[in-house]
Amino acid sequence: MDVPTLAEGGINLANAKAFKDTGVNILVVGTAIDNMVCNAAKEAVTPFIVH
């Protein structure tokens, strides 16, 4: 029987492949996505604040 395996915490673009290579087949990347959204929002708003 194949059982899904999960990894969570500290996963980002730089190390996601290394996690996958361990055999883990579910990666939880919440913080990485949060950081990407935060950076995108900052990039979108900064031109309106900085003249």
C-alpha atoms as a PDB file:
ATOM      1  CA  MET A   1       0.000   0.000   0.000  1.00  0.00           C
ATOM      2  CA  ASP A   2       1.291   3.453  -0.920  1.00  0.00           C
ATOM      3  CA  VAL A   3       0.842   5.987   1.835  1.00  0.00           C
ATOM      4  CA  PRO A   4       1.099   9.707   1.057  1.00  0.00           C
ATOM      5  CA  THR A   5       3.938  11.461   2.843  1.00  0.00           C
ATOM      6  CA  LEU A   6       3.957  15.123   3.764  1.00  0.00           C
ATOM      7  CA  ALA A   7       6.641  17.699   4.507  1.00  0.00           C
ATOM      8  CA  GLU A   8       5.907  21.091   6.010  1.00  0.00           C
ATOM      9  CA  GLY A   9       8.059  23.960   7.153  1.00  0.00           C
ATOM     10  CA  GLY A  10      10.924  25.829   5.601  1.00  0.00           C
ATOM     11  CA  ILE A  11      10.124  24.688   2.068  1.00  0.00           C
ATOM     12  CA  ASN A  12      10.922  27.231  -0.629  1.00  0.00           C
ATOM     13  CA  LEU A  13      11.901  27.334  -4.302  1.00  0.00           C
ATOM     14  CA  ALA A  14      15.545  26.720  -3.440  1.00  0.00           C
ATOM     15  CA  ASN A  15      14.977  23.458  -1.559  1.00  0.00           C
ATOM     16  CA  ALA A  16      11.648  22.048  -2.831  1.00  0.00           C
ATOM     17  CA  LYS A  17      13.355  19.621  -5.222  1.00  0.00           C
ATOM     18  CA  ALA A  18      15.537  18.285  -2.405  1.00  0.00           C
ATOM     19  CA  PHE A  19      12.393  17.581  -0.373  1.00  0.00           C
ATOM     20  CA  LYS A  20      10.786  15.803  -3.347  1.00  0.00           C
ATOM     21  CA  ASP A  21      13.947  13.758  -3.888  1.00  0.00           C
ATOM     22  CA  THR A  22      13.546  12.275  -0.393  1.00  0.00           C
ATOM     23  CA  GLY A  23      10.339  10.596  -1.567  1.00  0.00           C
ATOM     24  CA  VAL A  24       7.934  13.038   0.030  1.00  0.00           C
ATOM     25  CA  ASN A  25       4.976  13.491  -2.309  1.00  0.00           C
ATOM     26  CA  ILE A  26       3.045  16.310  -0.610  1.00  0.00           C
ATOM     27  CA  LEU A  27       4.807  19.607   0.098  1.00  0.00           C
ATOM     28  CA  VAL A  28       3.101  22.262   2.232  1.00  0.00           C
ATOM     29  CA  VAL A  29       4.515  25.618   1.205  1.00  0.00           C
ATOM     30  CA  GLY A  30       2.306  28.064   3.092  1.00  0.00           C
ATOM     31  CA  THR A  31       5.024  30.395   4.350  1.00  0.00           C
ATOM     32  CA  ALA A  32       6.751  30.525   0.961  1.00  0.00           C
ATOM     33  CA  ILE A  33       3.465  31.521  -0.705  1.00  0.00           C
ATOM     34  CA  ASP A  34       2.801  34.088   2.049  1.00  0.00           C
ATOM     35  CA  ASN A  35       6.228  35.618   1.415  1.00  0.00           C
ATOM     36  CA  MET A  36       5.645  35.746  -2.352  1.00  0.00           C
ATOM     37  CA  VAL A  37       2.286  37.487  -1.887  1.00  0.00           C
ATOM     38  CA  CYS A  38       3.790  39.976   0.556  1.00  0.00           C
ATOM     39  CA  ASN A  39       6.615  40.804  -1.846  1.00  0.00           C
ATOM     40  CA  ALA A  40       4.196  41.186  -4.771  1.00  0.00           C
ATOM     41  CA  ALA A  41       1.983  43.548  -2.759  1.00  0.00           C
ATOM     42  CA  LYS A  42       4.997  45.598  -1.696  1.00  0.00           C
ATOM     43  CA  GLU A  43       6.207  45.821  -5.298  1.00  0.00           C
ATOM     44  CA  ALA A  44       2.760  46.920  -6.495  1.00  0.00           C
ATOM     45  CA  VAL A  45       2.279  49.601  -3.821  1.00  0.00           C
ATOM     46  CA  THR A  46       5.793  51.060  -3.545  1.00  0.00           C
ATOM     47  CA  PRO A  47       5.610  53.144  -6.757  1.00  0.00           C
ATOM     48  CA  PHE A  48       2.544  54.930  -5.379  1.00  0.00           C
ATOM     49  CA  ILE A  49       4.253  55.751  -2.073  1.00  0.00           C
ATOM     50  CA  VAL A  50       7.769  56.628  -3.256  1.00  0.00           C
ATOM     51  CA  HIS A  51       7.786  59.561  -5.660  1.00  0.00           C
END
